[in-house]
Amino acid sequence: QVQLVESGGGLVQAGGSLRLSCAASGRTFTNYAMGWFRQAPGKEREFVSAISSSGVSTDYADSVKGRFTISRDNAKNTVYLQMNSLQPEDTAVYYCAARVSANNYYYTRPRDYNYWGQGTQVTVSS
């Protein structure tokens, strides 16, 4: 079992930046691949970004490529999502997710993940 707690959400104007954090506890963090997803009202949860357990491999949704950066600090048991050039369409609840991964791979589907945080709201005003 691993517990995930997101933080860093808030209200920002279009063009602004936020950094989300996801702190993990309960198990060996380096055994887990991590992902960020988001869900806007009335929409399905969608993939944003993912990172392998070592941090070597990453992936991004096309809608955030070049604007968002995922990273992890295994010494701090934390994964980050740096979000720049935010747009109103980025408004959503952002969720952190984890799954055990023995290989250097990332996962992009919600069903691939076993553990989820409670979410943090990101609101971008125009």
C-alpha atoms as a PDB file:
ATOM      1  CA  GLN A   1       0.000   0.000   0.000  1.00  0.00           C
ATOM      2  CA  VAL A   2       1.210   3.483  -0.841  1.00  0.00           C
ATOM      3  CA  GLN A   3      -0.398   6.768   0.110  1.00  0.00           C
ATOM      4  CA  LEU A   4      -0.252   9.755  -2.215  1.00  0.00           C
ATOM      5  CA  VAL A   5      -0.877  13.372  -1.279  1.00  0.00           C
ATOM      6  CA  GLU A   6      -0.960  16.092  -3.917  1.00  0.00           C
ATOM      7  CA  SER A   7      -0.360  19.763  -3.276  1.00  0.00           C
ATOM      8  CA  GLY A   8       0.389  22.937  -5.174  1.00  0.00           C
ATOM      9  CA  GLY A   9      -2.868  23.541  -6.984  1.00  0.00           C
ATOM     10  CA  GLY A  10      -4.581  26.899  -7.034  1.00  0.00           C
ATOM     11  CA  LEU A  11      -5.898  29.752  -9.120  1.00  0.00           C
ATOM     12  CA  VAL A  12      -3.627  31.291 -11.737  1.00  0.00           C
ATOM     13  CA  GLN A  13      -4.067  33.599 -14.698  1.00  0.00           C
ATOM     14  CA  ALA A  14      -3.571  32.365 -18.235  1.00  0.00           C
ATOM     15  CA  GLY A  15       0.110  32.278 -19.070  1.00  0.00           C
ATOM     16  CA  GLY A  16       1.080  31.642 -15.471  1.00  0.00           C
ATOM     17  CA  SER A  17       2.794  28.690 -13.820  1.00  0.00           C
ATOM     18  CA  LEU A  18       2.196  26.234 -11.023  1.00  0.00           C
ATOM     19  CA  ARG A  19       4.183  23.339  -9.643  1.00  0.00           C
ATOM     20  CA  LEU A  20       2.287  20.356  -8.343  1.00  0.00           C
ATOM     21  CA  SER A  21       3.841  17.967  -5.864  1.00  0.00           C
ATOM     22  CA  CYS A  22       2.855  14.437  -4.956  1.00  0.00           C
ATOM     23  CA  ALA A  23       4.328  13.017  -1.779  1.00  0.00           C
ATOM     24  CA  ALA A  24       4.328   9.248  -1.436  1.00  0.00           C
ATOM     25  CA  SER A  25       4.555   7.196   1.714  1.00  0.00           C
ATOM     26  CA  GLY A  26       4.163   3.631   2.767  1.00  0.00           C
ATOM     27  CA  ARG A  27       6.398   1.705   0.382  1.00  0.00           C
ATOM     28  CA  THR A  28       9.704   1.970  -1.413  1.00  0.00           C
ATOM     29  CA  PHE A  29       9.156   4.885  -3.751  1.00  0.00           C
ATOM     30  CA  THR A  30      11.786   3.739  -6.217  1.00  0.00           C
ATOM     31  CA  ASN A  31       9.683   0.676  -7.030  1.00  0.00           C
ATOM     32  CA  TYR A  32       6.863   2.801  -8.411  1.00  0.00           C
ATOM     33  CA  ALA A  33       6.189   4.336 -11.771  1.00  0.00           C
ATOM     34  CA  MET A  34       4.214   7.551 -11.345  1.00  0.00           C
ATOM     35  CA  GLY A  35       1.687   9.445 -13.385  1.00  0.00           C
ATOM     36  CA  TRP A  36      -0.334  12.630 -13.445  1.00  0.00           C
ATOM     37  CA  PHE A  37      -3.891  12.709 -14.707  1.00  0.00           C
ATOM     38  CA  ARG A  38      -6.571  15.368 -14.753  1.00  0.00           C
ATOM     39  CA  GLN A  39     -10.316  15.493 -14.830  1.00  0.00           C
ATOM     40  CA  ALA A  40     -12.420  18.478 -15.802  1.00  0.00           C
ATOM     41  CA  PRO A  41     -16.129  18.718 -14.919  1.00  0.00           C
ATOM     42  CA  GLY A  42     -18.216  16.472 -17.157  1.00  0.00           C
ATOM     43  CA  LYS A  43     -15.162  14.883 -18.748  1.00  0.00           C
ATOM     44  CA  GLU A  44     -13.315  11.637 -18.325  1.00  0.00           C
ATOM     45  CA  ARG A  45     -10.031  11.442 -16.499  1.00  0.00           C
ATOM     46  CA  GLU A  46      -7.223  12.002 -18.965  1.00  0.00           C
ATOM     47  CA  PHE A  47      -3.514  11.321 -19.057  1.00  0.00           C
ATOM     48  CA  VAL A  48      -1.188  14.266 -18.536  1.00  0.00           C
ATOM     49  CA  SER A  49       2.277  12.873 -17.903  1.00  0.00           C
ATOM     50  CA  ALA A  50       4.133   9.831 -16.618  1.00  0.00           C
ATOM     51  CA  ILE A  51       7.575   8.925 -15.385  1.00  0.00           C
ATOM     52  CA  SER A  52       9.347   5.627 -14.884  1.00  0.00           C
ATOM     53  CA  SER A  53      10.521   4.423 -11.499  1.00  0.00           C
ATOM     54  CA  SER A  54      14.085   5.578 -12.168  1.00  0.00           C
ATOM     55  CA  GLY A  55      13.006   8.849 -13.720  1.00  0.00           C
ATOM     56  CA  VAL A  56      14.822   8.105 -16.970  1.00  0.00           C
ATOM     57  CA  SER A  57      11.707   7.697 -19.122  1.00  0.00           C
ATOM     58  CA  THR A  58       8.896  10.215 -19.374  1.00  0.00           C
ATOM     59  CA  ASP A  59       5.857  10.835 -21.529  1.00  0.00           C
ATOM     60  CA  TYR A  60       3.393  13.668 -22.034  1.00  0.00           C
ATOM     61  CA  ALA A  61      -0.012  14.189 -23.533  1.00  0.00           C
ATOM     62  CA  ASP A  62       0.196  16.156 -26.769  1.00  0.00           C
ATOM     63  CA  SER A  63      -1.838  18.949 -25.190  1.00  0.00           C
ATOM     64  CA  VAL A  64       0.846  19.668 -22.580  1.00  0.00           C
ATOM     65  CA  LYS A  65       4.074  18.866 -24.440  1.00  0.00           C
ATOM     66  CA  GLY A  66       6.514  21.729 -24.260  1.00  0.00           C
ATOM     67  CA  ARG A  67       4.620  23.344 -21.364  1.00  0.00           C
ATOM     68  CA  PHE A  68       4.629  20.745 -18.579  1.00  0.00           C
ATOM     69  CA  THR A  69       7.601  18.900 -17.098  1.00  0.00           C
ATOM     70  CA  ILE A  70       7.420  15.846 -14.876  1.00  0.00           C
ATOM     71  CA  SER A  71      10.230  14.961 -12.508  1.00  0.00           C
ATOM     72  CA  ARG A  72      10.827  12.959  -9.375  1.00  0.00           C
ATOM     73  CA  ASP A  73      13.083  13.139  -6.363  1.00  0.00           C
ATOM     74  CA  ASN A  74      13.414   9.608  -5.077  1.00  0.00           C
ATOM     75  CA  ALA A  75      15.268  10.794  -1.993  1.00  0.00           C
ATOM     76  CA  LYS A  76      12.198  12.850  -1.049  1.00  0.00           C
ATOM     77  CA  ASN A  77       9.612  10.317  -2.237  1.00  0.00           C
ATOM     78  CA  THR A  78       8.057  13.048  -4.338  1.00  0.00           C
ATOM     79  CA  VAL A  79       7.022  13.515  -7.946  1.00  0.00           C
ATOM     80  CA  TYR A  80       6.498  16.960  -9.433  1.00  0.00           C
ATOM     81  CA  LEU A  81       4.615  18.462 -12.320  1.00  0.00           C
ATOM     82  CA  GLN A  82       5.891  21.860 -13.401  1.00  0.00           C
ATOM     83  CA  MET A  83       3.190  23.557 -15.428  1.00  0.00           C
ATOM     84  CA  ASN A  84       4.052  26.620 -17.487  1.00  0.00           C
ATOM     85  CA  SER A  85       2.057  28.708 -19.949  1.00  0.00           C
ATOM     86  CA  LEU A  86      -1.156  27.556 -18.366  1.00  0.00           C
ATOM     87  CA  GLN A  87      -4.349  27.984 -20.327  1.00  0.00           C
ATOM     88  CA  PRO A  88      -8.025  27.932 -19.271  1.00  0.00           C
ATOM     89  CA  GLU A  89      -8.368  24.487 -20.849  1.00  0.00           C
ATOM     90  CA  ASP A  90      -5.879  23.187 -18.283  1.00  0.00           C
ATOM     91  CA  THR A  91      -8.453  23.784 -15.567  1.00  0.00           C
ATOM     92  CA  ALA A  92      -9.180  20.474 -13.839  1.00  0.00           C
ATOM     93  CA  VAL A  93      -8.592  18.415 -10.762  1.00  0.00           C
ATOM     94  CA  TYR A  94      -5.123  16.940 -11.063  1.00  0.00           C
ATOM     95  CA  TYR A  95      -4.451  13.477  -9.675  1.00  0.00           C
ATOM     96  CA  CYS A  96      -1.228  11.702  -8.893  1.00  0.00           C
ATOM     97  CA  ALA A  97      -1.086   7.940  -9.429  1.00  0.00           C
ATOM     98  CA  ALA A  98       1.359   5.122  -8.709  1.00  0.00           C
ATOM     99  CA  ARG A  99       1.933   1.537  -9.658  1.00  0.00           C
ATOM    100  CA  VAL A 100       4.653  -0.969  -8.976  1.00  0.00           C
ATOM    101  CA  SER A 101       7.034  -1.203 -11.901  1.00  0.00           C
ATOM    102  CA  ALA A 102      10.063  -3.447 -12.053  1.00  0.00           C
ATOM    103  CA  ASN A 103      11.165  -2.148 -15.423  1.00  0.00           C
ATOM    104  CA  ASN A 104      12.079   1.283 -16.693  1.00  0.00           C
ATOM    105  CA  TYR A 105       8.671   1.947 -18.159  1.00  0.00           C
ATOM    106  CA  TYR A 106       5.898   4.489 -17.792  1.00  0.00           C
ATOM    107  CA  TYR A 107       2.145   3.994 -18.031  1.00  0.00           C
ATOM    108  CA  THR A 108      -0.432   6.243 -19.628  1.00  0.00           C
ATOM    109  CA  ARG A 109      -3.820   4.689 -18.875  1.00  0.00           C
ATOM    110  CA  PRO A 110      -5.725   5.249 -15.625  1.00  0.00           C
ATOM    111  CA  ARG A 111      -6.420   1.517 -15.367  1.00  0.00           C
ATOM    112  CA  ASP A 112      -2.680   0.832 -15.253  1.00  0.00           C
ATOM    113  CA  TYR A 113      -2.431   2.443 -11.825  1.00  0.00           C
ATOM    114  CA  ASN A 114      -3.308   0.967  -8.463  1.00  0.00           C
ATOM    115  CA  TYR A 115      -2.949   3.962  -6.170  1.00  0.00           C
ATOM    116  CA  TRP A 116      -4.368   7.452  -6.435  1.00  0.00           C
ATOM    117  CA  GLY A 117      -4.170  10.676  -4.511  1.00  0.00           C
ATOM    118  CA  GLN A 118      -7.155  12.769  -3.557  1.00  0.00           C
ATOM    119  CA  GLY A 119      -6.518  15.370  -6.255  1.00  0.00           C
ATOM    120  CA  THR A 120      -5.693  19.061  -6.263  1.00  0.00           C
ATOM    121  CA  GLN A 121      -7.692  21.722  -8.076  1.00  0.00           C
ATOM    122  CA  VAL A 122      -6.025  23.816 -10.757  1.00  0.00           C
ATOM    123  CA  THR A 123      -8.033  26.742 -12.087  1.00  0.00           C
ATOM    124  CA  VAL A 124      -6.724  28.946 -14.881  1.00  0.00           C
ATOM    125  CA  SER A 125      -8.564  32.196 -15.500  1.00  0.00           C
ATOM    126  CA  SER A 126      -8.598  33.935 -18.868  1.00  0.00           C
END
